[in-house]
Amino acid sequence: MGVEDNIILFKDIFPFNHVPRIMINGSTNKKFSHLNEIFLTDTTLRDEQQNWRNFTIDKGVKIFLLLVE
């Protein structure tokens, strides 16, 4: 049994083909009104600490410049 066999990915909350769901009181079936805009904050990126791939310095700077526009 390899390490991959023991990984719990929580695919019901974080499906690979949809945006992550919000879990409230053990359920992801809550209805929310859709926003007209998506708001991205500097904490969304967490300074690349939880990013799936590392950004180059130039890409990181570009993202933060876009955030301040």
Foldseek 3Di string as FASTA:
>chain_A
DDPVVPDDDPCVQPPPVDHGADADPNDRPDDDDDDPDDQDDPVNCPQVPPPPDDDDPVVVVVVVVVNVD
